Amino acid sequence: MPRYQLALILKAMQRPATAATLRRSVESLMERGAVVRDIENLGERLLPYKITKHNERHSRGSYFLIDFYAAPDILTGLLNHLHRDVDVVRPTVLKNETEVSRSNCCGPPQ
């Protein structure tokens, strides 16, 4: 299974509501067969620009990174689910390269 990273921006909420939304997101990953490796909280920040989502205008958000392994065919269903969640402002899935290629190195071989 390839390795991915889910970058989540959640709307600014109190800690229990943020934890519940994060739990829902991770459970939806695991229900689809993903293996979650790590969850990183990047804190609450001002958004680079105001985002309107689900008829609400957001200027602050909580940023999270979720590192996981999953089959590529579950990503569209996962993103559809996250786009419908009213507490998720912006979900983004990025493919994470697990090994660094040595051919891109510009130094002498070791």
PDB file of N, CA and C in Angstrom:
ATOM      1  N   MET A   1       0.839  -1.181   0.000  1.00  0.00           N
ATOM      2  CA  MET A   1       0.000   0.000   0.000  1.00  0.00           C
ATOM      3  C   MET A   1       0.886   1.246   0.000  1.00  0.00           C
ATOM      4  N   PRO A   2       0.533   2.236  -0.793  1.00  0.00           N
ATOM      5  CA  PRO A   2       1.289   3.494  -0.797  1.00  0.00           C
ATOM      6  C   PRO A   2       1.062   4.297   0.484  1.00  0.00           C
ATOM      7  N   ARG A   3       1.993   5.170   0.748  1.00  0.00           N
ATOM      8  CA  ARG A   3       1.916   6.019   1.935  1.00  0.00           C
ATOM      9  C   ARG A   3       1.393   7.394   1.525  1.00  0.00           C
ATOM     10  N   TYR A   4       0.461   7.927   2.306  1.00  0.00           N
ATOM     11  CA  TYR A   4      -0.151   9.224   2.021  1.00  0.00           C
ATOM     12  C   TYR A   4      -0.110  10.099   3.257  1.00  0.00           C
ATOM     13  N   GLN A   5      -0.366  11.375   3.028  1.00  0.00           N
ATOM     14  CA  GLN A   5      -0.493  12.331   4.115  1.00  0.00           C
ATOM     15  C   GLN A   5      -1.766  13.133   3.884  1.00  0.00           C
ATOM     16  N   LEU A   6      -2.625  13.159   4.886  1.00  0.00           N
ATOM     17  CA  LEU A   6      -3.866  13.923   4.821  1.00  0.00           C
ATOM     18  C   LEU A   6      -3.660  15.213   5.603  1.00  0.00           C
ATOM     19  N   ALA A   7      -3.721  16.334   4.889  1.00  0.00           N
ATOM     20  CA  ALA A   7      -3.628  17.645   5.528  1.00  0.00           C
ATOM     21  C   ALA A   7      -5.054  18.138   5.740  1.00  0.00           C
ATOM     22  N   LEU A   8      -5.427  18.319   6.987  1.00  0.00           N
ATOM     23  CA  LEU A   8      -6.791  18.734   7.338  1.00  0.00           C
ATOM     24  C   LEU A   8      -6.768  20.124   7.940  1.00  0.00           C
ATOM     25  N   ILE A   9      -7.673  20.956   7.492  1.00  0.00           N
ATOM     26  CA  ILE A   9      -7.933  22.222   8.166  1.00  0.00           C
ATOM     27  C   ILE A   9      -9.352  22.109   8.714  1.00  0.00           C
ATOM     28  N   LEU A  10      -9.475  22.141  10.026  1.00  0.00           N
ATOM     29  CA  LEU A  10     -10.773  22.074  10.688  1.00  0.00           C
ATOM     30  C   LEU A  10     -11.175  23.480  11.109  1.00  0.00           C
ATOM     31  N   LYS A  11     -12.474  23.726  11.173  1.00  0.00           N
ATOM     32  CA  LYS A  11     -12.904  25.052  11.610  1.00  0.00           C
ATOM     33  C   LYS A  11     -12.525  25.249  13.067  1.00  0.00           C
ATOM     34  N   ALA A  12     -12.356  26.496  13.469  1.00  0.00           N
ATOM     35  CA  ALA A  12     -11.952  26.825  14.835  1.00  0.00           C
ATOM     36  C   ALA A  12     -13.088  26.460  15.793  1.00  0.00           C
ATOM     37  N   MET A  13     -12.791  25.525  16.702  1.00  0.00           N
ATOM     38  CA  MET A  13     -13.784  25.035  17.669  1.00  0.00           C
ATOM     39  C   MET A  13     -13.087  24.823  19.005  1.00  0.00           C
ATOM     40  N   GLN A  14     -13.879  24.534  20.033  1.00  0.00           N
ATOM     41  CA  GLN A  14     -13.328  24.170  21.330  1.00  0.00           C
ATOM     42  C   GLN A  14     -12.652  22.804  21.230  1.00  0.00           C
ATOM     43  N   ARG A  15     -11.780  22.498  22.166  1.00  0.00           N
ATOM     44  CA  ARG A  15     -10.983  21.268  22.112  1.00  0.00           C
ATOM     45  C   ARG A  15     -11.820  19.989  22.011  1.00  0.00           C
ATOM     46  N   PRO A  16     -12.917  19.795  22.771  1.00  0.00           N
ATOM     47  CA  PRO A  16     -13.683  18.546  22.639  1.00  0.00           C
ATOM     48  C   PRO A  16     -14.294  18.364  21.242  1.00  0.00           C
ATOM     49  N   ALA A  17     -14.776  19.444  20.654  1.00  0.00           N
ATOM     50  CA  ALA A  17     -15.375  19.354  19.322  1.00  0.00           C
ATOM     51  C   ALA A  17     -14.305  19.082  18.266  1.00  0.00           C
ATOM     52  N   THR A  18     -13.135  19.679  18.430  1.00  0.00           N
ATOM     53  CA  THR A  18     -12.024  19.425  17.503  1.00  0.00           C
ATOM     54  C   THR A  18     -11.584  17.972  17.589  1.00  0.00           C
ATOM     55  N   ALA A  19     -11.475  17.448  18.818  1.00  0.00           N
ATOM     56  CA  ALA A  19     -11.079  16.050  19.015  1.00  0.00           C
ATOM     57  C   ALA A  19     -12.104  15.106  18.406  1.00  0.00           C
ATOM     58  N   ALA A  20     -13.387  15.416  18.539  1.00  0.00           N
ATOM     59  CA  ALA A  20     -14.434  14.565  17.972  1.00  0.00           C
ATOM     60  C   ALA A  20     -14.367  14.560  16.445  1.00  0.00           C
ATOM     61  N   THR A  21     -14.112  15.712  15.844  1.00  0.00           N
ATOM     62  CA  THR A  21     -14.006  15.794  14.388  1.00  0.00           C
ATOM     63  C   THR A  21     -12.780  15.039  13.897  1.00  0.00           C
ATOM     64  N   LEU A  22     -11.674  15.180  14.595  1.00  0.00           N
ATOM     65  CA  LEU A  22     -10.461  14.454  14.224  1.00  0.00           C
ATOM     66  C   LEU A  22     -10.670  12.951  14.358  1.00  0.00           C
ATOM     67  N   ARG A  23     -11.358  12.542  15.411  1.00  0.00           N
ATOM     68  CA  ARG A  23     -11.653  11.112  15.614  1.00  0.00           C
ATOM     69  C   ARG A  23     -12.523  10.579  14.479  1.00  0.00           C
ATOM     70  N   ARG A  24     -13.543  11.343  14.072  1.00  0.00           N
ATOM     71  CA  ARG A  24     -14.404  10.927  12.946  1.00  0.00           C
ATOM     72  C   ARG A  24     -13.595  10.749  11.673  1.00  0.00           C
ATOM     73  N   SER A  25     -12.675  11.673  11.436  1.00  0.00           N
ATOM     74  CA  SER A  25     -11.860  11.621  10.223  1.00  0.00           C
ATOM     75  C   SER A  25     -10.943  10.398  10.223  1.00  0.00           C
ATOM     76  N   VAL A  26     -10.309  10.117  11.359  1.00  0.00           N
ATOM     77  CA  VAL A  26      -9.422   8.959  11.453  1.00  0.00           C
ATOM     78  C   VAL A  26     -10.226   7.663  11.366  1.00  0.00           C
ATOM     79  N   GLU A  27     -11.400   7.624  11.982  1.00  0.00           N
ATOM     80  CA  GLU A  27     -12.237   6.424  11.899  1.00  0.00           C
ATOM     81  C   GLU A  27     -12.707   6.173  10.471  1.00  0.00           C
ATOM     82  N   SER A  28     -12.999   7.232   9.717  1.00  0.00           N
ATOM     83  CA  SER A  28     -13.407   7.036   8.321  1.00  0.00           C
ATOM     84  C   SER A  28     -12.242   6.492   7.499  1.00  0.00           C
ATOM     85  N   LEU A  29     -11.027   6.870   7.824  1.00  0.00           N
ATOM     86  CA  LEU A  29      -9.848   6.291   7.178  1.00  0.00           C
ATOM     87  C   LEU A  29      -9.745   4.803   7.490  1.00  0.00           C
ATOM     88  N   MET A  30      -9.847   4.463   8.758  1.00  0.00           N
ATOM     89  CA  MET A  30      -9.671   3.073   9.178  1.00  0.00           C
ATOM     90  C   MET A  30     -10.808   2.180   8.699  1.00  0.00           C
ATOM     91  N   GLU A  31     -12.023   2.709   8.596  1.00  0.00           N
ATOM     92  CA  GLU A  31     -13.142   1.925   8.058  1.00  0.00           C
ATOM     93  C   GLU A  31     -12.910   1.532   6.607  1.00  0.00           C
ATOM     94  N   ARG A  32     -12.154   2.349   5.889  1.00  0.00           N
ATOM     95  CA  ARG A  32     -11.860   2.075   4.479  1.00  0.00           C
ATOM     96  C   ARG A  32     -10.611   1.215   4.312  1.00  0.00           C
ATOM     97  N   GLY A  33     -10.005   0.778   5.402  1.00  0.00           N
ATOM     98  CA  GLY A  33      -8.865  -0.122   5.334  1.00  0.00           C
ATOM     99  C   GLY A  33      -7.508   0.550   5.433  1.00  0.00           C
ATOM    100  N   ALA A  34      -7.458   1.820   5.771  1.00  0.00           N
ATOM    101  CA  ALA A  34      -6.180   2.525   5.896  1.00  0.00           C
ATOM    102  C   ALA A  34      -5.521   2.199   7.232  1.00  0.00           C
ATOM    103  N   VAL A  35      -4.200   2.285   7.246  1.00  0.00           N
ATOM    104  CA  VAL A  35      -3.426   2.096   8.466  1.00  0.00           C
ATOM    105  C   VAL A  35      -2.812   3.452   8.822  1.00  0.00           C
ATOM    106  N   VAL A  36      -3.254   4.013   9.937  1.00  0.00           N
ATOM    107  CA  VAL A  36      -2.796   5.341  10.358  1.00  0.00           C
ATOM    108  C   VAL A  36      -1.487   5.195  11.127  1.00  0.00           C
ATOM    109  N   ARG A  37      -0.463   5.931  10.690  1.00  0.00           N
ATOM    110  CA  ARG A  37       0.856   5.881  11.321  1.00  0.00           C
ATOM    111  C   ARG A  37       1.037   6.969  12.360  1.00  0.00           C
ATOM    112  N   ASP A  38       0.585   8.193  12.035  1.00  0.00           N
ATOM    113  CA  ASP A  38       0.882   9.323  12.912  1.00  0.00           C
ATOM    114  C   ASP A  38      -0.140  10.432  12.698  1.00  0.00           C
ATOM    115  N   ILE A  39      -0.419  11.163  13.764  1.00  0.00           N
ATOM    116  CA  ILE A  39      -1.270  12.351  13.697  1.00  0.00           C
ATOM    117  C   ILE A  39      -0.473  13.496  14.306  1.00  0.00           C
ATOM    118  N   GLU A  40      -0.347  14.574  13.558  1.00  0.00           N
ATOM    119  CA  GLU A  40       0.423  15.719  14.042  1.00  0.00           C
ATOM    120  C   GLU A  40      -0.480  16.948  14.099  1.00  0.00           C
ATOM    121  N   ASN A  41      -0.504  17.581  15.251  1.00  0.00           N
ATOM    122  CA  ASN A  41      -1.278  18.800  15.446  1.00  0.00           C
ATOM    123  C   ASN A  41      -0.364  19.993  15.174  1.00  0.00           C
ATOM    124  N   LEU A  42      -0.711  20.790  14.181  1.00  0.00           N
ATOM    125  CA  LEU A  42       0.087  21.968  13.845  1.00  0.00           C
ATOM    126  C   LEU A  42      -0.471  23.233  14.479  1.00  0.00           C
ATOM    127  N   GLY A  43      -1.552  23.103  15.233  1.00  0.00           N
ATOM    128  CA  GLY A  43      -2.096  24.230  15.971  1.00  0.00           C
ATOM    129  C   GLY A  43      -3.155  25.010  15.202  1.00  0.00           C
ATOM    130  N   GLU A  44      -3.698  25.999  15.888  1.00  0.00           N
ATOM    131  CA  GLU A  44      -4.718  26.867  15.277  1.00  0.00           C
ATOM    132  C   GLU A  44      -4.031  28.114  14.743  1.00  0.00           C
ATOM    133  N   ARG A  45      -4.386  28.474  13.511  1.00  0.00           N
ATOM    134  CA  ARG A  45      -3.754  29.612  12.850  1.00  0.00           C
ATOM    135  C   ARG A  45      -4.784  30.402  12.060  1.00  0.00           C
ATOM    136  N   LEU A  46      -4.374  31.591  11.671  1.00  0.00           N
ATOM    137  CA  LEU A  46      -5.167  32.359  10.709  1.00  0.00           C
ATOM    138  C   LEU A  46      -5.039  31.687   9.353  1.00  0.00           C
ATOM    139  N   LEU A  47      -6.134  31.596   8.627  1.00  0.00           N
ATOM    140  CA  LEU A  47      -6.076  31.054   7.275  1.00  0.00           C
ATOM    141  C   LEU A  47      -5.444  32.089   6.352  1.00  0.00           C
ATOM    142  N   PRO A  48      -4.781  31.643   5.280  1.00  0.00           N
ATOM    143  CA  PRO A  48      -4.152  32.609   4.375  1.00  0.00           C
ATOM    144  C   PRO A  48      -5.164  33.534   3.698  1.00  0.00           C
ATOM    145  N   TYR A  49      -6.392  33.061   3.574  1.00  0.00           N
ATOM    146  CA  TYR A  49      -7.482  33.869   3.038  1.00  0.00           C
ATOM    147  C   TYR A  49      -8.778  33.307   3.606  1.00  0.00           C
ATOM    148  N   LYS A  50      -9.831  34.102   3.578  1.00  0.00           N
ATOM    149  CA  LYS A  50     -11.113  33.645   4.130  1.00  0.00           C
ATOM    150  C   LYS A  50     -11.708  32.571   3.216  1.00  0.00           C
ATOM    151  N   ILE A  51     -12.181  31.500   3.831  1.00  0.00           N
ATOM    152  CA  ILE A  51     -12.740  30.365   3.094  1.00  0.00           C
ATOM    153  C   ILE A  51     -14.204  30.218   3.486  1.00  0.00           C
ATOM    154  N   THR A  52     -15.067  30.152   2.502  1.00  0.00           N
ATOM    155  CA  THR A  52     -16.477  29.897   2.753  1.00  0.00           C
ATOM    156  C   THR A  52     -16.751  28.428   2.489  1.00  0.00           C
ATOM    157  N   LYS A  53     -17.244  27.733   3.506  1.00  0.00           N
ATOM    158  CA  LYS A  53     -17.543  26.310   3.391  1.00  0.00           C
ATOM    159  C   LYS A  53     -18.790  26.022   4.191  1.00  0.00           C
ATOM    160  N   HIS A  54     -19.749  25.331   3.598  1.00  0.00           N
ATOM    161  CA  HIS A  54     -21.023  24.980   4.241  1.00  0.00           C
ATOM    162  C   HIS A  54     -21.731  26.220   4.785  1.00  0.00           C
ATOM    163  N   ASN A  55     -21.774  27.268   3.968  1.00  0.00           N
ATOM    164  CA  ASN A  55     -22.440  28.534   4.288  1.00  0.00           C
ATOM    165  C   ASN A  55     -21.878  29.231   5.529  1.00  0.00           C
ATOM    166  N   GLU A  56     -20.617  28.957   5.855  1.00  0.00           N
ATOM    167  CA  GLU A  56     -19.933  29.653   6.941  1.00  0.00           C
ATOM    168  C   GLU A  56     -18.651  30.250   6.383  1.00  0.00           C
ATOM    169  N   ARG A  57     -18.274  31.399   6.905  1.00  0.00           N
ATOM    170  CA  ARG A  57     -17.035  32.056   6.466  1.00  0.00           C
ATOM    171  C   ARG A  57     -15.983  31.851   7.557  1.00  0.00           C
ATOM    172  N   HIS A  58     -14.841  31.274   7.178  1.00  0.00           N
ATOM    173  CA  HIS A  58     -13.803  30.924   8.146  1.00  0.00           C
ATOM    174  C   HIS A  58     -12.568  31.790   7.926  1.00  0.00           C
ATOM    175  N   SER A  59     -12.025  32.323   9.026  1.00  0.00           N
ATOM    176  CA  SER A  59     -10.779  33.067   8.949  1.00  0.00           C
ATOM    177  C   SER A  59      -9.691  32.425   9.817  1.00  0.00           C
ATOM    178  N   ARG A  60     -10.072  31.484  10.685  1.00  0.00           N
ATOM    179  CA  ARG A  60      -9.128  30.718  11.520  1.00  0.00           C
ATOM    180  C   ARG A  60      -9.417  29.244  11.339  1.00  0.00           C
ATOM    181  N   GLY A  61      -8.380  28.424  11.538  1.00  0.00           N
ATOM    182  CA  GLY A  61      -8.567  26.986  11.427  1.00  0.00           C
ATOM    183  C   GLY A  61      -7.524  26.225  12.207  1.00  0.00           C
ATOM    184  N   SER A  62      -7.843  24.980  12.541  1.00  0.00           N
ATOM    185  CA  SER A  62      -6.911  24.077  13.216  1.00  0.00           C
ATOM    186  C   SER A  62      -6.297  23.171  12.158  1.00  0.00           C
ATOM    187  N   TYR A  63      -4.978  23.106  12.113  1.00  0.00           N
ATOM    188  CA  TYR A  63      -4.257  22.353  11.092  1.00  0.00           C
ATOM    189  C   TYR A  63      -3.774  21.021  11.672  1.00  0.00           C
ATOM    190  N   PHE A  64      -4.007  19.935  10.924  1.00  0.00           N
ATOM    191  CA  PHE A  64      -3.567  18.602  11.319  1.00  0.00           C
ATOM    192  C   PHE A  64      -2.971  17.881  10.126  1.00  0.00           C
ATOM    193  N   LEU A  65      -1.968  17.031  10.380  1.00  0.00           N
ATOM    194  CA  LEU A  65      -1.400  16.145   9.369  1.00  0.00           C
ATOM    195  C   LEU A  65      -1.594  14.708   9.843  1.00  0.00           C
ATOM    196  N   ILE A  66      -2.164  13.878   8.981  1.00  0.00           N
ATOM    197  CA  ILE A  66      -2.376  12.475   9.301  1.00  0.00           C
ATOM    198  C   ILE A  66      -1.591  11.650   8.291  1.00  0.00           C
ATOM    199  N   ASP A  67      -0.652  10.868   8.786  1.00  0.00           N
ATOM    200  CA  ASP A  67       0.206  10.023   7.959  1.00  0.00           C
ATOM    201  C   ASP A  67      -0.414   8.621   7.941  1.00  0.00           C
ATOM    202  N   PHE A  68      -0.658   8.063   6.752  1.00  0.00           N
ATOM    203  CA  PHE A  68      -1.320   6.761   6.679  1.00  0.00           C
ATOM    204  C   PHE A  68      -0.926   5.997   5.421  1.00  0.00           C
ATOM    205  N   TYR A  69      -1.162   4.680   5.478  1.00  0.00           N
ATOM    206  CA  TYR A  69      -1.024   3.792   4.320  1.00  0.00           C
ATOM    207  C   TYR A  69      -2.425   3.404   3.884  1.00  0.00           C
ATOM    208  N   ALA A  70      -2.670   3.383   2.570  1.00  0.00           N
ATOM    209  CA  ALA A  70      -4.000   3.010   2.073  1.00  0.00           C
ATOM    210  C   ALA A  70      -3.914   2.607   0.610  1.00  0.00           C
ATOM    211  N   ALA A  71      -4.905   1.863   0.178  1.00  0.00           N
ATOM    212  CA  ALA A  71      -5.036   1.537  -1.238  1.00  0.00           C
ATOM    213  C   ALA A  71      -5.471   2.792  -1.988  1.00  0.00           C
ATOM    214  N   PRO A  72      -4.955   3.017  -3.191  1.00  0.00           N
ATOM    215  CA  PRO A  72      -5.282   4.247  -3.919  1.00  0.00           C
ATOM    216  C   PRO A  72      -6.766   4.410  -4.252  1.00  0.00           C
ATOM    217  N   ASP A  73      -7.496   3.319  -4.379  1.00  0.00           N
ATOM    218  CA  ASP A  73      -8.900   3.413  -4.788  1.00  0.00           C
ATOM    219  C   ASP A  73      -9.835   3.934  -3.696  1.00  0.00           C
ATOM    220  N   ILE A  74      -9.372   4.057  -2.445  1.00  0.00           N
ATOM    221  CA  ILE A  74     -10.257   4.577  -1.388  1.00  0.00           C
ATOM    222  C   ILE A  74     -10.219   6.095  -1.286  1.00  0.00           C
ATOM    223  N   LEU A  75      -9.281   6.737  -1.966  1.00  0.00           N
ATOM    224  CA  LEU A  75      -9.072   8.174  -1.765  1.00  0.00           C
ATOM    225  C   LEU A  75     -10.247   9.031  -2.216  1.00  0.00           C
ATOM    226  N   THR A  76     -10.874   8.686  -3.337  1.00  0.00           N
ATOM    227  CA  THR A  76     -12.001   9.517  -3.798  1.00  0.00           C
ATOM    228  C   THR A  76     -13.175   9.431  -2.830  1.00  0.00           C
ATOM    229  N   GLY A  77     -13.473   8.245  -2.335  1.00  0.00           N
ATOM    230  CA  GLY A  77     -14.552   8.096  -1.353  1.00  0.00           C
ATOM    231  C   GLY A  77     -14.239   8.814  -0.058  1.00  0.00           C
ATOM    232  N   LEU A  78     -12.980   8.764   0.359  1.00  0.00           N
ATOM    233  CA  LEU A  78     -12.566   9.444   1.579  1.00  0.00           C
ATOM    234  C   LEU A  78     -12.706  10.954   1.428  1.00  0.00           C
ATOM    235  N   LEU A  79     -12.230  11.492   0.316  1.00  0.00           N
ATOM    236  CA  LEU A  79     -12.333  12.937   0.099  1.00  0.00           C
ATOM    237  C   LEU A  79     -13.785  13.385  -0.030  1.00  0.00           C
ATOM    238  N   ASN A  80     -14.637  12.592  -0.675  1.00  0.00           N
ATOM    239  CA  ASN A  80     -16.070  12.924  -0.746  1.00  0.00           C
ATOM    240  C   ASN A  80     -16.669  12.996   0.651  1.00  0.00           C
ATOM    241  N   HIS A  81     -16.309  12.031   1.498  1.00  0.00           N
ATOM    242  CA  HIS A  81     -16.812  12.007   2.877  1.00  0.00           C
ATOM    243  C   HIS A  81     -16.330  13.242   3.648  1.00  0.00           C
ATOM    244  N   LEU A  82     -15.056  13.592   3.509  1.00  0.00           N
ATOM    245  CA  LEU A  82     -14.510  14.725   4.251  1.00  0.00           C
ATOM    246  C   LEU A  82     -15.054  16.055   3.748  1.00  0.00           C
ATOM    247  N   HIS A  83     -15.319  16.166   2.448  1.00  0.00           N
ATOM    248  CA  HIS A  83     -15.892  17.408   1.910  1.00  0.00           C
ATOM    249  C   HIS A  83     -17.310  17.629   2.427  1.00  0.00           C
ATOM    250  N   ARG A  84     -18.016  16.557   2.762  1.00  0.00           N
ATOM    251  CA  ARG A  84     -19.379  16.689   3.292  1.00  0.00           C
ATOM    252  C   ARG A  84     -19.411  16.986   4.785  1.00  0.00           C
ATOM    253  N   ASP A  85     -18.317  16.746   5.497  1.00  0.00           N
ATOM    254  CA  ASP A  85     -18.258  16.999   6.935  1.00  0.00           C
ATOM    255  C   ASP A  85     -18.280  18.511   7.172  1.00  0.00           C
ATOM    256  N   VAL A  86     -19.244  18.994   7.969  1.00  0.00           N
ATOM    257  CA  VAL A  86     -19.414  20.439   8.171  1.00  0.00           C
ATOM    258  C   VAL A  86     -18.286  21.059   8.991  1.00  0.00           C
ATOM    259  N   ASP A  87     -17.506  20.253   9.718  1.00  0.00           N
ATOM    260  CA  ASP A  87     -16.424  20.787  10.541  1.00  0.00           C
ATOM    261  C   ASP A  87     -15.081  20.811   9.814  1.00  0.00           C
ATOM    262  N   VAL A  88     -15.011  20.189   8.637  1.00  0.00           N
ATOM    263  CA  VAL A  88     -13.770  20.166   7.861  1.00  0.00           C
ATOM    264  C   VAL A  88     -13.804  21.300   6.842  1.00  0.00           C
ATOM    265  N   VAL A  89     -12.842  22.207   6.941  1.00  0.00           N
ATOM    266  CA  VAL A  89     -12.775  23.340   6.016  1.00  0.00           C
ATOM    267  C   VAL A  89     -12.062  22.933   4.733  1.00  0.00           C
ATOM    268  N   ARG A  90     -10.928  22.227   4.843  1.00  0.00           N
ATOM    269  CA  ARG A  90     -10.168  21.866   3.653  1.00  0.00           C
ATOM    270  C   ARG A  90      -9.420  20.553   3.878  1.00  0.00           C
ATOM    271  N   PRO A  91      -9.798  19.463   3.193  1.00  0.00           N
ATOM    272  CA  PRO A  91      -9.001  18.232   3.232  1.00  0.00           C
ATOM    273  C   PRO A  91      -8.133  18.129   1.971  1.00  0.00           C
ATOM    274  N   THR A  92      -6.889  17.718   2.143  1.00  0.00           N
ATOM    275  CA  THR A  92      -5.973  17.533   1.016  1.00  0.00           C
ATOM    276  C   THR A  92      -5.165  16.266   1.250  1.00  0.00           C
ATOM    277  N   VAL A  93      -5.140  15.375   0.252  1.00  0.00           N
ATOM    278  CA  VAL A  93      -4.348  14.153   0.352  1.00  0.00           C
ATOM    279  C   VAL A  93      -3.137  14.285  -0.565  1.00  0.00           C
ATOM    280  N   LEU A  94      -1.966  14.020   0.007  1.00  0.00           N
ATOM    281  CA  LEU A  94      -0.711  14.067  -0.736  1.00  0.00           C
ATOM    282  C   LEU A  94      -0.046  12.699  -0.663  1.00  0.00           C
ATOM    283  N   LYS A  95       0.531  12.264  -1.768  1.00  0.00           N
ATOM    284  CA  LYS A  95       1.253  10.997  -1.758  1.00  0.00           C
ATOM    285  C   LYS A  95       2.625  11.239  -1.157  1.00  0.00           C
ATOM    286  N   ASN A  96       3.019  10.375  -0.242  1.00  0.00           N
ATOM    287  CA  ASN A  96       4.289  10.482   0.452  1.00  0.00           C
ATOM    288  C   ASN A  96       5.248   9.443  -0.118  1.00  0.00           C
ATOM    289  N   GLU A  97       6.388   9.873  -0.596  1.00  0.00           N
ATOM    290  CA  GLU A  97       7.382   8.928  -1.100  1.00  0.00           C
ATOM    291  C   GLU A  97       8.045   8.260   0.099  1.00  0.00           C
ATOM    292  N   THR A  98       8.035   6.917   0.116  1.00  0.00           N
ATOM    293  CA  THR A  98       8.590   6.196   1.259  1.00  0.00           C
ATOM    294  C   THR A  98      10.101   6.094   1.199  1.00  0.00           C
ATOM    295  N   GLU A  99      10.680   6.007   0.007  1.00  0.00           N
ATOM    296  CA  GLU A  99      12.123   5.902  -0.124  1.00  0.00           C
ATOM    297  C   GLU A  99      12.637   7.026  -1.009  1.00  0.00           C
ATOM    298  N   VAL A 100      13.767   7.581  -0.648  1.00  0.00           N
ATOM    299  CA  VAL A 100      14.391   8.623  -1.446  1.00  0.00           C
ATOM    300  C   VAL A 100      15.268   7.965  -2.494  1.00  0.00           C
ATOM    301  N   SER A 101      15.106   8.370  -3.727  1.00  0.00           N
ATOM    302  CA  SER A 101      15.892   7.800  -4.811  1.00  0.00           C
ATOM    303  C   SER A 101      17.324   8.330  -4.757  1.00  0.00           C
ATOM    304  N   ARG A 102      18.293   7.441  -4.881  1.00  0.00           N
ATOM    305  CA  ARG A 102      19.703   7.856  -4.865  1.00  0.00           C
ATOM    306  C   ARG A 102      20.123   8.467  -6.201  1.00  0.00           C
ATOM    307  N   SER A 103      19.366   8.212  -7.276  1.00  0.00           N
ATOM    308  CA  SER A 103      19.748   8.739  -8.587  1.00  0.00           C
ATOM    309  C   SER A 103      19.596  10.259  -8.657  1.00  0.00           C
ATOM    310  N   ASN A 104      18.811  10.866  -7.780  1.00  0.00           N
ATOM    311  CA  ASN A 104      18.624  12.310  -7.784  1.00  0.00           C
ATOM    312  C   ASN A 104      19.737  13.035  -7.030  1.00  0.00           C
ATOM    313  N   CYS A 105      20.593  12.307  -6.366  1.00  0.00           N
ATOM    314  CA  CYS A 105      21.665  12.904  -5.587  1.00  0.00           C
ATOM    315  C   CYS A 105      22.749  13.445  -6.512  1.00  0.00           C
ATOM    316  N   CYS A 106      23.272  14.589  -6.188  1.00  0.00           N
ATOM    317  CA  CYS A 106      24.282  15.207  -7.054  1.00  0.00           C
ATOM    318  C   CYS A 106      25.696  15.008  -6.516  1.00  0.00           C
ATOM    319  N   GLY A 107      25.854  14.327  -5.410  1.00  0.00           N
ATOM    320  CA  GLY A 107      27.183  14.104  -4.837  1.00  0.00           C
ATOM    321  C   GLY A 107      27.796  12.808  -5.340  1.00  0.00           C
ATOM    322  N   PRO A 108      29.007  12.523  -4.913  1.00  0.00           N
ATOM    323  CA  PRO A 108      29.672  11.280  -5.348  1.00  0.00           C
ATOM    324  C   PRO A 108      29.002  10.061  -4.714  1.00  0.00           C
ATOM    325  N   PRO A 109      29.005   8.927  -5.423  1.00  0.00           N
ATOM    326  CA  PRO A 109      28.382   7.714  -4.850  1.00  0.00           C
ATOM    327  C   PRO A 109      29.140   7.261  -3.610  1.00  0.00           C
ATOM    328  N   GLN A 110      28.380   6.707  -2.671  1.00  0.00           N
ATOM    329  CA  GLN A 110      28.973   6.272  -1.409  1.00  0.00           C
ATOM    330  C   GLN A 110      29.058   4.788  -1.330  1.00  0.00           C
TER     331      GLN A 110
END
